[in-house]
N, C-alpha and C. Protein backbone atom coordinates (compact mmCIF):
# COMPACT_ATOMS: atom_id res chain seq x y z
N MET A 1 -2.64 0.41 5.21
CA MET A 1 -2.40 -1.31 5.81
C MET A 1 -2.92 -2.30 4.09
N SER A 2 -2.38 -3.00 4.30
CA SER A 2 -2.22 -3.64 3.33
C SER A 2 -2.87 -5.24 3.63
N VAL A 3 -4.40 -5.47 3.11
CA VAL A 3 -4.94 -6.96 3.92
C VAL A 3 -5.39 -7.92 2.77
N LYS A 4 -5.31 -8.82 2.71
CA LYS A 4 -5.61 -9.91 1.60
C LYS A 4 -6.80 -10.92 1.65
N ASN A 5 -7.40 -11.80 1.15
CA ASN A 5 -8.51 -12.13 1.36
C ASN A 5 -8.77 -13.40 0.11
N LYS A 6 -9.01 -14.45 0.63
CA LYS A 6 -9.58 -15.04 -1.10
C LYS A 6 -10.75 -16.07 -0.89
N ILE A 7 -11.28 -15.85 0.04
CA ILE A 7 -12.77 -16.62 0.07
C ILE A 7 -13.81 -15.71 -0.62
N LEU A 8 -14.56 -15.99 -1.25
CA LEU A 8 -15.32 -15.40 -2.26
C LEU A 8 -16.26 -16.61 -3.45
N SER A 9 -17.57 -16.03 -3.63
CA SER A 9 -18.49 -17.20 -4.13
C SER A 9 -19.23 -16.73 -5.17
N LEU A 10 -19.35 -17.43 -6.11
CA LEU A 10 -20.56 -16.77 -7.20
C LEU A 10 -21.29 -18.23 -7.85
N THR A 11 -21.88 -17.92 -9.08
CA THR A 11 -22.76 -19.05 -9.35
C THR A 11 -22.58 -19.20 -10.95
N ALA A 12 -22.37 -20.50 -11.46
CA ALA A 12 -22.16 -21.04 -12.93
C ALA A 12 -23.08 -21.91 -13.07
N SER A 13 -23.59 -21.65 -14.63
CA SER A 13 -24.52 -22.31 -14.96
C SER A 13 -24.19 -23.35 -16.04
N LEU A 14 -24.62 -24.44 -16.46
CA LEU A 14 -24.52 -25.40 -17.43
C LEU A 14 -25.69 -25.67 -18.43
N LEU A 15 -25.28 -25.34 -19.49
CA LEU A 15 -26.56 -25.51 -20.25
C LEU A 15 -26.43 -26.37 -21.26
N LEU A 16 -27.90 -27.61 -20.93
CA LEU A 16 -27.35 -29.06 -22.21
C LEU A 16 -28.55 -28.56 -23.18
N LEU A 17 -28.28 -28.54 -24.52
CA LEU A 17 -29.26 -28.46 -25.39
C LEU A 17 -29.23 -29.82 -26.57
N THR A 18 -30.94 -30.20 -26.23
CA THR A 18 -30.76 -31.78 -26.88
C THR A 18 -31.09 -31.44 -28.32
N MET A 19 -30.80 -32.30 -29.05
CA MET A 19 -31.47 -32.45 -30.40
C MET A 19 -31.90 -33.63 -31.10
N LEU A 20 -33.02 -33.51 -31.50
CA LEU A 20 -33.90 -35.07 -32.07
C LEU A 20 -34.00 -34.83 -33.67
N THR A 21 -33.81 -36.75 -33.83
CA THR A 21 -33.65 -36.17 -35.08
C THR A 21 -35.14 -36.34 -35.83
N LEU A 22 -35.33 -35.40 -36.98
CA LEU A 22 -36.66 -35.81 -37.97
C LEU A 22 -36.15 -35.71 -39.70
N PRO A 23 -37.66 -36.36 -39.87
CA PRO A 23 -36.76 -36.71 -41.41
C PRO A 23 -36.19 -35.29 -42.12
N ALA A 24 -35.34 -36.06 -42.93
CA ALA A 24 -34.78 -35.11 -43.95
C ALA A 24 -35.70 -34.57 -44.92
N GLY A 25 -34.97 -33.60 -45.46
CA GLY A 25 -35.54 -32.61 -46.54
C GLY A 25 -36.24 -31.08 -46.63
N ALA A 26 -35.07 -30.34 -44.97
CA ALA A 26 -35.49 -29.20 -45.24
C ALA A 26 -33.60 -28.60 -45.60
N VAL A 27 -34.13 -27.50 -45.61
CA VAL A 27 -32.69 -26.39 -45.72
C VAL A 27 -31.57 -26.67 -44.59
N SER A 28 -30.61 -26.87 -44.74
CA SER A 28 -29.77 -26.95 -43.49
C SER A 28 -29.37 -25.92 -42.78
N LEU A 29 -28.62 -25.76 -41.79
CA LEU A 29 -28.38 -24.54 -40.94
C LEU A 29 -26.36 -24.66 -41.50
N ASP A 30 -25.59 -23.23 -41.46
CA ASP A 30 -24.40 -23.33 -41.88
C ASP A 30 -24.14 -23.13 -40.62
N VAL A 31 -23.29 -24.35 -39.82
CA VAL A 31 -22.65 -24.29 -38.63
C VAL A 31 -21.39 -24.02 -38.31
N THR A 32 -20.74 -23.81 -39.37
CA THR A 32 -19.10 -23.27 -39.37
C THR A 32 -19.21 -21.90 -39.40
N ASP A 33 -20.40 -20.83 -39.24
CA ASP A 33 -20.35 -19.74 -38.71
C ASP A 33 -19.47 -19.30 -37.67
N PRO A 34 -18.68 -18.69 -38.22
CA PRO A 34 -17.57 -18.31 -36.65
C PRO A 34 -17.88 -17.39 -35.57
N ASP A 35 -18.99 -17.06 -35.67
CA ASP A 35 -20.02 -16.35 -34.56
C ASP A 35 -20.68 -17.13 -33.47
N ALA A 36 -21.18 -18.35 -33.84
CA ALA A 36 -22.15 -19.03 -33.29
C ALA A 36 -21.29 -19.59 -31.92
N MET A 37 -21.81 -19.66 -31.75
CA MET A 37 -21.25 -20.10 -30.28
C MET A 37 -21.12 -21.73 -30.14
N LEU A 38 -20.06 -22.21 -29.59
CA LEU A 38 -19.40 -23.33 -29.67
C LEU A 38 -19.42 -24.26 -28.99
N PRO A 39 -20.18 -25.67 -28.95
CA PRO A 39 -20.35 -25.98 -27.84
C PRO A 39 -19.30 -26.93 -27.10
N VAL A 40 -19.15 -27.38 -25.98
CA VAL A 40 -17.93 -28.13 -25.28
C VAL A 40 -17.92 -29.36 -24.85
N ASP A 41 -19.19 -29.96 -25.69
CA ASP A 41 -19.33 -31.51 -26.03
C ASP A 41 -20.15 -31.78 -26.70
N ILE A 42 -20.24 -32.74 -27.55
CA ILE A 42 -21.47 -33.17 -28.56
C ILE A 42 -21.43 -34.46 -28.08
N ILE A 43 -22.49 -35.28 -28.00
CA ILE A 43 -22.99 -36.36 -27.66
C ILE A 43 -23.94 -37.51 -28.83
N LEU A 44 -23.21 -37.85 -29.51
CA LEU A 44 -23.82 -38.56 -30.48
C LEU A 44 -24.59 -39.90 -29.67
N ASP A 45 -25.90 -40.11 -30.08
CA ASP A 45 -27.02 -40.93 -29.84
C ASP A 45 -27.56 -42.08 -31.32
N GLN A 46 -26.72 -42.68 -32.06
CA GLN A 46 -27.17 -43.32 -33.20
C GLN A 46 -28.55 -43.99 -33.02
N ASP A 47 -28.97 -45.05 -32.04
CA ASP A 47 -29.83 -45.79 -31.87
C ASP A 47 -31.22 -45.03 -31.93
N ASN A 48 -30.93 -43.99 -31.11
CA ASN A 48 -32.06 -42.77 -31.17
C ASN A 48 -31.87 -41.79 -32.21
N LYS A 49 -30.89 -41.95 -32.85
CA LYS A 49 -31.02 -40.81 -34.14
C LYS A 49 -31.08 -39.06 -33.58
N GLU A 50 -30.02 -39.48 -32.04
CA GLU A 50 -30.31 -38.00 -31.36
C GLU A 50 -29.07 -37.06 -31.44
N ILE A 51 -28.94 -35.88 -30.88
CA ILE A 51 -27.76 -35.42 -31.15
C ILE A 51 -27.74 -34.80 -29.89
N ARG A 52 -26.92 -34.57 -28.70
CA ARG A 52 -26.59 -33.45 -27.72
C ARG A 52 -25.68 -32.68 -27.59
N LYS A 53 -26.10 -31.48 -27.69
CA LYS A 53 -24.73 -30.39 -27.68
C LYS A 53 -24.87 -29.52 -26.15
N VAL A 54 -23.85 -29.93 -25.99
CA VAL A 54 -23.38 -29.54 -24.23
C VAL A 54 -22.83 -28.20 -24.50
N TYR A 55 -23.12 -26.65 -23.89
CA TYR A 55 -22.53 -25.83 -23.93
C TYR A 55 -22.14 -25.04 -22.71
N ASP A 56 -21.60 -24.59 -22.19
CA ASP A 56 -20.85 -24.16 -20.56
C ASP A 56 -21.22 -22.85 -21.02
N LEU A 57 -22.20 -22.14 -19.96
CA LEU A 57 -22.73 -20.40 -20.02
C LEU A 57 -22.29 -20.11 -18.85
N SER A 58 -21.90 -18.86 -18.50
CA SER A 58 -21.79 -18.62 -17.65
C SER A 58 -23.44 -17.78 -16.87
N PRO A 59 -23.55 -17.28 -15.68
CA PRO A 59 -24.92 -17.16 -14.94
C PRO A 59 -25.33 -15.84 -15.86
N ASN A 60 -24.71 -15.20 -16.54
CA ASN A 60 -25.22 -14.24 -17.12
C ASN A 60 -25.70 -13.72 -18.83
N THR A 61 -25.06 -15.17 -19.41
CA THR A 61 -25.46 -15.65 -20.53
C THR A 61 -26.93 -16.22 -20.86
N ASP A 62 -27.92 -15.54 -21.77
CA ASP A 62 -29.23 -15.73 -22.03
C ASP A 62 -28.93 -16.93 -22.54
N PRO A 63 -29.61 -18.12 -22.41
CA PRO A 63 -29.84 -19.44 -23.17
C PRO A 63 -30.47 -19.04 -24.62
N SER A 64 -31.41 -17.94 -25.06
CA SER A 64 -32.00 -18.36 -25.97
C SER A 64 -30.73 -17.44 -26.96
N THR A 65 -29.74 -17.64 -26.73
CA THR A 65 -28.72 -17.10 -27.95
C THR A 65 -28.03 -18.18 -28.41
N LEU A 66 -28.26 -19.10 -27.81
CA LEU A 66 -27.47 -20.36 -28.52
C LEU A 66 -28.18 -20.79 -29.86
N PRO A 67 -27.22 -21.45 -30.80
CA PRO A 67 -27.89 -21.64 -31.92
C PRO A 67 -28.81 -22.91 -32.00
N MET A 68 -29.92 -22.53 -32.16
CA MET A 68 -30.96 -23.53 -31.86
C MET A 68 -31.74 -23.87 -33.66
N GLY A 69 -30.98 -23.20 -34.76
CA GLY A 69 -31.59 -23.63 -36.05
C GLY A 69 -31.59 -25.22 -36.23
N GLN A 70 -32.35 -25.49 -37.76
CA GLN A 70 -32.14 -27.14 -38.39
C GLN A 70 -30.40 -27.12 -38.84
N PHE A 71 -30.34 -28.17 -38.84
CA PHE A 71 -28.79 -28.23 -39.67
C PHE A 71 -28.81 -29.82 -39.80
N GLU A 72 -28.14 -30.06 -40.75
CA GLU A 72 -27.98 -31.65 -41.57
C GLU A 72 -27.09 -32.51 -40.89
N ARG A 73 -26.99 -33.71 -40.80
CA ARG A 73 -25.77 -34.44 -40.17
C ARG A 73 -25.59 -35.69 -41.01
N ASP A 74 -25.04 -36.51 -42.11
CA ASP A 74 -25.36 -37.59 -42.57
C ASP A 74 -26.39 -38.02 -43.19
N GLY A 75 -27.00 -36.61 -43.73
CA GLY A 75 -28.64 -37.17 -44.50
C GLY A 75 -29.53 -36.94 -44.01
N LEU A 76 -29.16 -36.86 -42.17
CA LEU A 76 -30.17 -36.60 -41.68
C LEU A 76 -30.87 -34.76 -41.00
N LEU A 77 -31.78 -34.50 -40.90
CA LEU A 77 -32.13 -32.91 -40.77
C LEU A 77 -32.57 -33.00 -38.85
N TYR A 78 -31.86 -31.97 -38.45
CA TYR A 78 -32.23 -32.22 -37.07
C TYR A 78 -32.39 -30.88 -36.48
N ASP A 79 -33.61 -31.09 -35.83
CA ASP A 79 -34.05 -29.99 -34.81
C ASP A 79 -34.23 -29.75 -33.50
N CYS A 80 -33.94 -28.87 -33.42
CA CYS A 80 -34.60 -28.30 -31.42
C CYS A 80 -35.20 -28.83 -31.05
N THR A 81 -35.44 -29.48 -30.31
CA THR A 81 -36.64 -30.16 -29.34
C THR A 81 -36.81 -30.03 -27.99
N ASP A 82 -35.74 -29.62 -27.33
CA ASP A 82 -35.60 -29.16 -25.81
C ASP A 82 -34.70 -29.10 -25.00
N VAL A 83 -34.59 -28.32 -24.28
CA VAL A 83 -33.24 -27.29 -23.93
C VAL A 83 -33.48 -27.84 -21.93
N LEU A 84 -32.26 -28.32 -21.90
CA LEU A 84 -32.24 -28.80 -20.35
C LEU A 84 -31.43 -28.08 -19.92
N ARG A 85 -31.52 -27.44 -18.37
CA ARG A 85 -30.43 -26.77 -18.04
C ARG A 85 -30.04 -27.58 -16.76
N GLU A 86 -28.82 -27.25 -16.24
CA GLU A 86 -28.27 -27.82 -15.18
C GLU A 86 -27.44 -26.65 -14.55
N VAL A 87 -27.78 -26.70 -13.19
CA VAL A 87 -27.34 -25.15 -12.74
C VAL A 87 -25.57 -26.31 -11.84
N ILE A 88 -24.82 -25.07 -12.08
CA ILE A 88 -23.75 -25.99 -11.14
C ILE A 88 -23.28 -25.55 -10.05
N ILE A 89 -23.47 -25.22 -8.85
CA ILE A 89 -22.96 -24.30 -7.66
C ILE A 89 -21.34 -24.62 -7.55
N GLY A 90 -20.53 -23.83 -7.52
CA GLY A 90 -19.33 -23.69 -7.75
C GLY A 90 -18.79 -21.98 -6.92
N SER A 91 -17.87 -21.99 -6.36
CA SER A 91 -17.15 -20.71 -6.18
C SER A 91 -16.15 -20.38 -6.81
N GLU A 92 -15.70 -19.20 -6.57
CA GLU A 92 -14.53 -18.39 -7.69
C GLU A 92 -13.80 -17.66 -6.12
N THR A 93 -12.54 -17.34 -6.50
CA THR A 93 -12.03 -16.85 -5.60
C THR A 93 -11.40 -15.84 -6.03
N GLN A 94 -11.05 -14.52 -5.50
CA GLN A 94 -10.33 -13.72 -5.77
C GLN A 94 -9.51 -12.49 -4.59
N VAL A 95 -8.20 -12.33 -5.22
CA VAL A 95 -7.66 -11.47 -3.92
C VAL A 95 -7.82 -9.67 -3.83
N ILE A 96 -7.89 -9.74 -2.47
CA ILE A 96 -8.63 -8.31 -2.24
C ILE A 96 -7.85 -7.56 -1.64
N THR A 97 -6.81 -6.45 -1.70
CA THR A 97 -6.17 -5.68 -0.98
C THR A 97 -6.95 -4.58 -0.83
N GLN A 98 -7.10 -4.17 0.80
CA GLN A 98 -7.24 -2.33 0.80
C GLN A 98 -6.21 -1.99 1.70
N GLU A 99 -6.36 -0.58 1.70
CA GLU A 99 -5.17 -0.22 2.72
C GLU A 99 -6.17 1.02 3.57
N GLU A 100 -5.75 0.73 5.08
CA GLU A 100 -6.02 1.36 6.10
C GLU A 100 -5.24 2.33 6.61
N LYS A 101 -5.54 3.11 7.14
CA LYS A 101 -4.36 4.67 7.61
C LYS A 101 -5.28 5.17 8.95
N VAL A 102 -4.66 5.17 10.07
CA VAL A 102 -4.59 5.44 11.63
C VAL A 102 -3.53 6.36 11.65
N ASP A 103 -4.15 7.46 12.39
CA ASP A 103 -3.06 8.24 13.43
C ASP A 103 -2.60 8.07 14.60
N SER A 104 -1.48 8.05 14.75
CA SER A 104 -0.60 7.27 15.96
C SER A 104 0.59 9.13 16.42
N ASP A 105 0.65 8.99 17.77
CA ASP A 105 1.10 9.83 18.04
C ASP A 105 2.34 9.16 18.51
N LYS A 106 2.97 7.81 17.93
CA LYS A 106 4.16 7.31 18.74
C LYS A 106 4.11 6.31 17.23
N LYS A 107 5.81 5.95 16.67
CA LYS A 107 5.44 5.09 15.65
C LYS A 107 6.08 4.01 16.03
N ASP A 108 5.99 3.49 17.42
CA ASP A 108 6.74 2.38 17.33
C ASP A 108 5.24 0.91 17.56
N MET A 109 5.75 -0.21 16.81
CA MET A 109 4.91 -1.03 16.64
C MET A 109 4.06 -1.75 17.34
N ASP A 110 3.80 -1.83 18.30
CA ASP A 110 3.07 -2.06 19.99
C ASP A 110 2.03 -0.83 19.53
N THR A 111 2.60 0.53 19.49
CA THR A 111 1.50 1.58 19.55
C THR A 111 0.64 1.57 18.12
N ILE A 112 1.34 1.25 17.37
CA ILE A 112 0.83 1.30 15.55
C ILE A 112 -0.66 -0.01 16.03
N LEU A 113 0.04 -1.25 16.01
CA LEU A 113 -0.77 -2.60 16.06
C LEU A 113 -2.34 -2.41 17.07
N SER A 114 -1.76 -1.71 18.42
CA SER A 114 -3.08 -1.83 19.17
C SER A 114 -4.01 -0.75 18.25
N LEU A 115 -3.92 0.16 17.12
CA LEU A 115 -4.85 0.72 16.61
C LEU A 115 -5.40 0.45 15.24
N LEU A 116 -4.53 -0.76 15.05
CA LEU A 116 -4.98 -1.64 13.59
C LEU A 116 -6.03 -2.95 14.12
N PRO A 117 -7.24 -3.20 13.29
CA PRO A 117 -7.80 -4.33 13.27
C PRO A 117 -6.80 -5.58 12.85
N GLN A 118 -6.77 -6.66 13.47
CA GLN A 118 -6.36 -7.95 12.98
C GLN A 118 -6.64 -8.33 11.67
N GLU A 119 -8.09 -8.08 11.70
CA GLU A 119 -8.76 -9.23 10.90
C GLU A 119 -9.82 -8.06 10.35
N LYS A 120 -10.74 -7.96 9.60
CA LYS A 120 -12.02 -6.85 9.15
C LYS A 120 -12.72 -8.22 7.50
N GLU A 121 -14.40 -7.64 8.24
CA GLU A 121 -14.96 -8.23 7.29
C GLU A 121 -15.33 -7.92 6.09
N VAL A 122 -15.19 -8.10 4.91
CA VAL A 122 -15.42 -6.79 3.42
C VAL A 122 -16.23 -7.48 2.60
N THR A 123 -17.45 -7.30 1.91
CA THR A 123 -18.54 -7.39 0.77
C THR A 123 -18.19 -5.85 0.13
N THR A 124 -17.70 -6.85 -0.98
CA THR A 124 -17.44 -5.54 -2.47
C THR A 124 -18.45 -5.55 -2.96
N GLU A 125 -18.45 -5.01 -4.34
CA GLU A 125 -19.34 -4.25 -4.86
C GLU A 125 -20.15 -5.33 -6.24
N GLU A 126 -18.91 -6.43 -6.36
CA GLU A 126 -18.83 -7.38 -7.07
C GLU A 126 -20.33 -8.75 -6.25
N GLY A 127 -20.30 -8.65 -5.32
CA GLY A 127 -20.69 -9.47 -4.59
C GLY A 127 -19.88 -10.66 -3.59
N PHE A 128 -18.17 -10.25 -3.77
CA PHE A 128 -17.04 -11.13 -2.78
C PHE A 128 -17.63 -10.96 -1.55
N THR A 129 -17.27 -11.87 -0.68
CA THR A 129 -17.45 -11.53 0.50
C THR A 129 -16.18 -12.59 1.25
N GLY A 130 -15.76 -11.86 2.38
CA GLY A 130 -14.64 -12.68 3.11
C GLY A 130 -14.01 -11.95 4.06
N THR A 131 -12.70 -12.18 4.98
CA THR A 131 -12.01 -11.91 5.56
C THR A 131 -10.86 -11.57 5.49
N LEU A 132 -10.82 -10.10 5.72
CA LEU A 132 -9.20 -9.71 5.30
C LEU A 132 -8.54 -10.09 6.90
N THR A 133 -7.25 -10.07 6.59
CA THR A 133 -6.01 -10.49 7.83
C THR A 133 -5.23 -9.34 7.53
N LEU A 134 -4.65 -8.65 8.78
CA LEU A 134 -3.49 -8.03 8.24
C LEU A 134 -2.39 -8.52 7.91
N ASP A 135 -1.58 -7.78 6.75
CA ASP A 135 -0.30 -8.00 7.13
C ASP A 135 0.72 -7.10 7.21
N LEU A 136 1.21 -7.94 8.09
CA LEU A 136 2.17 -6.78 9.00
C LEU A 136 3.32 -6.54 8.02
N ASP A 137 3.85 -7.08 7.28
CA ASP A 137 4.99 -7.14 6.18
C ASP A 137 4.86 -5.49 5.93
N SER A 138 3.42 -4.78 5.79
CA SER A 138 3.03 -4.20 4.60
C SER A 138 2.90 -2.45 5.73
N ILE A 139 3.20 -2.70 6.89
CA ILE A 139 3.07 -1.28 7.34
C ILE A 139 3.98 -0.25 7.31
N LYS A 140 3.38 1.01 7.11
CA LYS A 140 4.64 1.72 7.02
C LYS A 140 4.34 2.55 7.74
N THR A 141 5.06 3.34 8.51
CA THR A 141 4.74 4.72 8.78
C THR A 141 5.46 6.02 8.24
N GLU A 142 5.03 7.30 8.31
CA GLU A 142 5.26 7.97 7.82
C GLU A 142 4.60 9.49 8.26
N ALA A 143 5.51 10.77 8.32
CA ALA A 143 4.96 11.98 9.50
C ALA A 143 3.70 12.39 8.81
N ALA A 144 2.89 12.58 9.77
CA ALA A 144 1.41 13.02 9.76
C ALA A 144 1.69 14.63 9.68
N GLY A 145 3.05 15.12 10.22
CA GLY A 145 2.85 16.72 10.26
C GLY A 145 4.03 17.04 10.83
N TYR A 146 4.47 18.59 10.72
CA TYR A 146 5.60 18.63 11.03
C TYR A 146 5.53 20.15 12.23
N GLY A 147 6.40 20.52 12.85
CA GLY A 147 6.26 21.41 14.17
C GLY A 147 7.59 22.06 14.25
N SER A 148 7.88 23.35 15.04
CA SER A 148 9.43 23.73 15.17
C SER A 148 9.01 24.70 16.35
N SER A 149 10.39 24.33 16.91
CA SER A 149 10.55 25.16 17.85
C SER A 149 11.85 25.73 18.24
N THR A 150 12.02 27.01 18.86
CA THR A 150 13.15 27.83 18.55
C THR A 150 13.90 27.63 20.15
N GLN A 151 15.42 27.20 19.93
CA GLN A 151 16.46 26.74 21.24
C GLN A 151 17.76 27.55 21.12
N PRO A 152 18.08 27.78 22.30
CA PRO A 152 19.20 28.44 22.56
C PRO A 152 20.15 27.73 22.35
N VAL A 153 21.09 27.95 21.75
CA VAL A 153 22.76 27.55 21.89
C VAL A 153 23.73 27.93 22.48
N THR A 154 24.91 27.84 23.18
CA THR A 154 25.90 28.42 23.58
C THR A 154 27.15 27.88 23.60
N ALA A 155 28.07 28.80 23.60
CA ALA A 155 29.46 28.01 23.46
C ALA A 155 30.47 29.04 24.61
N THR A 156 31.75 28.38 24.80
CA THR A 156 32.25 28.81 25.50
C THR A 156 33.76 28.68 24.79
N ARG A 157 34.26 30.35 25.33
CA ARG A 157 35.39 30.33 24.86
C ARG A 157 36.76 30.98 25.89
N THR A 158 37.61 30.34 25.88
CA THR A 158 38.89 30.99 27.15
C THR A 158 39.76 31.51 26.38
N TYR A 159 40.23 32.56 26.87
CA TYR A 159 41.41 33.47 26.46
C TYR A 159 42.76 34.05 27.23
N PRO A 160 43.81 33.13 27.26
CA PRO A 160 44.53 33.48 28.42
C PRO A 160 45.72 34.05 27.99
N ASN A 161 46.32 34.72 28.97
CA ASN A 161 47.59 35.26 28.89
C ASN A 161 47.47 36.67 28.21
N LEU A 162 46.24 37.46 29.13
CA LEU A 162 45.86 39.24 28.40
C LEU A 162 46.45 40.02 29.82
N ALA A 163 46.73 41.10 29.48
CA ALA A 163 47.60 41.90 29.86
C ALA A 163 46.63 42.57 31.08
N ASN A 164 45.46 43.10 30.63
CA ASN A 164 44.34 43.65 31.24
C ASN A 164 42.81 43.19 30.95
N GLN A 165 41.89 43.81 31.33
CA GLN A 165 40.81 42.93 31.01
C GLN A 165 40.12 44.16 30.24
N ASP A 166 40.22 44.13 28.78
CA ASP A 166 40.08 44.95 28.40
C ASP A 166 39.07 43.49 27.04
N LEU A 167 37.89 44.73 26.90
CA LEU A 167 36.83 43.84 26.00
C LEU A 167 37.59 43.90 24.44
N ASN A 168 37.77 45.12 24.50
CA ASN A 168 38.44 45.34 23.30
C ASN A 168 39.37 44.43 22.59
N HIS A 169 39.86 43.82 23.21
CA HIS A 169 40.99 42.01 23.21
C HIS A 169 40.22 41.16 22.76
N LEU A 170 38.46 41.06 23.00
CA LEU A 170 38.08 39.89 22.86
C LEU A 170 37.03 39.87 21.47
N PRO A 171 36.78 38.71 20.52
CA PRO A 171 35.91 38.64 19.72
C PRO A 171 35.08 38.86 20.10
N LYS A 172 33.89 39.58 19.58
CA LYS A 172 32.59 40.20 19.71
C LYS A 172 31.67 39.00 19.41
N SER A 173 32.17 37.81 18.36
CA SER A 173 30.90 36.92 17.91
C SER A 173 32.00 35.78 17.40
N ILE A 174 31.20 34.46 17.50
CA ILE A 174 32.31 33.44 16.94
C ILE A 174 31.25 32.78 16.11
N THR A 175 31.88 31.78 15.23
CA THR A 175 30.92 30.58 14.44
C THR A 175 31.08 29.44 14.81
N GLU A 176 29.85 28.67 15.11
CA GLU A 176 29.34 27.12 16.30
C GLU A 176 28.52 26.55 15.40
N GLY A 177 28.98 25.51 14.41
CA GLY A 177 27.99 24.49 14.74
C GLY A 177 27.64 25.13 12.63
N GLY A 178 28.46 26.44 12.46
CA GLY A 178 27.70 26.94 10.82
C GLY A 178 26.69 27.94 11.66
N ARG A 179 26.60 28.67 12.98
CA ARG A 179 26.14 29.33 13.52
C ARG A 179 26.58 30.58 13.92
N THR A 180 26.30 31.55 13.96
CA THR A 180 27.25 33.15 14.80
C THR A 180 26.45 33.35 15.79
N LEU A 181 27.42 33.05 16.69
CA LEU A 181 27.14 33.45 17.94
C LEU A 181 27.75 34.70 18.72
N THR A 182 27.19 35.47 19.24
CA THR A 182 27.95 36.49 19.87
C THR A 182 27.81 36.70 21.71
N LEU A 183 28.74 37.72 21.74
CA LEU A 183 29.56 37.33 23.21
C LEU A 183 28.34 38.26 24.24
N GLN A 184 28.13 37.17 24.99
CA GLN A 184 26.95 37.54 25.80
C GLN A 184 27.36 38.02 27.23
N ASP A 185 28.76 36.93 28.13
CA ASP A 185 29.30 37.39 29.44
C ASP A 185 30.47 36.92 29.34
N VAL A 186 31.27 37.72 29.96
CA VAL A 186 32.92 37.73 30.12
C VAL A 186 33.19 37.41 31.69
N GLN A 187 33.59 36.12 32.13
CA GLN A 187 34.27 36.36 33.23
C GLN A 187 35.59 35.80 33.76
N TRP A 188 36.63 37.08 34.21
CA TRP A 188 38.23 37.09 34.34
C TRP A 188 38.44 36.61 35.48
N GLN A 189 39.88 35.99 35.28
CA GLN A 189 40.49 34.94 36.02
C GLN A 189 41.69 35.89 35.91
N THR A 190 42.36 35.84 37.13
CA THR A 190 43.61 36.46 37.42
C THR A 190 44.76 35.58 37.53
N ASP A 191 45.96 35.49 37.00
CA ASP A 191 47.08 34.94 37.39
C ASP A 191 48.13 35.53 37.78
N ASN A 192 48.41 35.02 38.80
CA ASN A 192 49.80 36.00 39.40
C ASN A 192 51.07 34.65 39.70
N THR A 193 51.94 35.28 38.82
CA THR A 193 53.13 34.14 38.91
C THR A 193 54.71 34.97 38.92
N TYR A 194 55.63 34.32 38.51
CA TYR A 194 56.93 35.00 38.74
C TYR A 194 58.00 34.01 38.34
N ASN A 195 59.15 34.81 38.23
CA ASN A 195 59.68 34.08 37.21
C ASN A 195 60.78 33.31 37.93
N ALA A 196 62.11 32.49 37.64
CA ALA A 196 62.96 31.67 38.25
C ALA A 196 63.91 33.01 39.21
N ASP A 197 64.05 33.84 38.78
CA ASP A 197 65.11 34.87 39.25
C ASP A 197 64.16 35.65 40.97
N ASP A 198 62.79 35.06 40.70
CA ASP A 198 62.65 35.72 41.91
C ASP A 198 61.83 37.27 41.81
N TYR A 199 61.32 37.87 40.88
CA TYR A 199 61.35 39.16 40.67
C TYR A 199 59.72 38.92 40.31
N GLU A 200 59.27 40.12 40.08
CA GLU A 200 57.62 39.87 40.31
C GLU A 200 57.34 40.10 38.59
N ILE A 201 56.29 39.32 37.55
CA ILE A 201 55.95 39.94 36.42
C ILE A 201 55.00 40.53 36.33
N GLY A 202 54.06 40.30 37.20
CA GLY A 202 52.84 41.19 37.12
C GLY A 202 51.87 40.54 37.06
N ASP A 203 50.53 40.96 36.78
CA ASP A 203 49.32 40.09 37.13
C ASP A 203 48.91 39.49 35.45
N ARG A 204 48.68 38.49 34.87
CA ARG A 204 48.15 38.34 34.16
C ARG A 204 46.46 38.10 33.75
N PHE A 205 45.65 37.72 32.72
CA PHE A 205 44.71 37.96 33.02
C PHE A 205 43.65 36.65 31.88
N THR A 206 43.03 35.73 32.52
CA THR A 206 42.39 35.02 31.52
C THR A 206 40.52 35.38 31.32
N ALA A 207 39.93 35.37 30.01
CA ALA A 207 38.66 35.66 29.90
C ALA A 207 38.14 34.35 29.36
N VAL A 208 37.14 34.15 30.48
CA VAL A 208 36.08 33.13 30.10
C VAL A 208 34.82 33.73 29.70
N CYS A 209 34.71 33.75 28.25
CA CYS A 209 33.61 34.22 27.45
C CYS A 209 33.00 33.14 27.12
N THR A 210 31.54 33.69 27.29
CA THR A 210 30.41 32.98 26.82
C THR A 210 29.41 33.75 25.96
N TYR A 211 29.16 32.82 24.41
CA TYR A 211 28.82 32.91 23.59
C TYR A 211 27.31 32.14 23.36
N GLY A 212 26.43 33.08 23.00
CA GLY A 212 25.17 32.63 22.62
C GLY A 212 23.95 32.98 21.27
N GLY A 213 23.22 32.04 21.26
CA GLY A 213 22.59 32.56 19.64
C GLY A 213 20.99 31.83 20.59
N SER A 214 20.96 31.43 19.18
CA SER A 214 19.33 29.84 19.06
C SER A 214 19.55 29.51 17.54
N LYS A 215 18.96 28.10 17.69
CA LYS A 215 18.56 26.87 16.56
C LYS A 215 17.05 26.97 16.32
N THR A 216 16.87 27.01 15.11
CA THR A 216 15.19 25.99 14.91
C THR A 216 15.40 24.75 14.96
N VAL A 217 14.61 24.31 15.64
CA VAL A 217 14.02 22.80 15.61
C VAL A 217 12.76 22.48 15.16
N SER A 218 13.34 20.89 14.21
CA SER A 218 11.72 20.94 13.68
C SER A 218 11.67 19.20 14.67
N TYR A 219 10.08 19.03 14.76
CA TYR A 219 9.48 17.78 14.97
C TYR A 219 8.33 17.28 14.57
N VAL A 220 8.10 15.64 14.66
CA VAL A 220 7.29 15.32 13.91
C VAL A 220 5.96 15.62 15.09
N THR A 221 5.11 15.66 14.56
CA THR A 221 3.69 15.95 15.37
C THR A 221 3.09 14.98 15.38
N GLY A 222 3.00 13.80 14.81
CA GLY A 222 1.96 12.36 15.14
C GLY A 222 2.75 11.42 13.95
């Protein structure tokens, strides 16, 4: 059974880094380092000689890893004086598919649906929670096992116009449906006839033969 869900939740954080002006004269920091974390926004306040750098961080990121060293801009040296943190509560969705197997004596849809839950609450290892709903188009059946049994097979053959009841004139076996069947029983019938000249021809015999054997039949156990 395949089920899907899109109701999940996590928390993301937004960290605001504030840089205030100090008198120039110190060594500046090279902020062009490609390994440095880049802000998503830079806010300039020229009146207060203040720069605010905004970083968008995941909940697992340590704010102390942000670049907080001195840097120079337009002849002024800036130091980090304060770190403001704003927590943004959001949600994240994820598609989840789970398979479920059940054993059934029959493969008709009504029987199968009676064994499967239509909805299922789930919590993943990553902390996502939600309700899974049954996807009817995904339901498939397969045999859980097979058994076998032996069944008798019989066939009848008629051999008319025989001069006598002699078994030697009858086939002792025949082929039916790819199987070899052996003679099991013979029923004799007599035909008393005469010709147009009204003299007796004599008795003629018809043999009704029954041939038998067996076949192995496989069946699904569930």
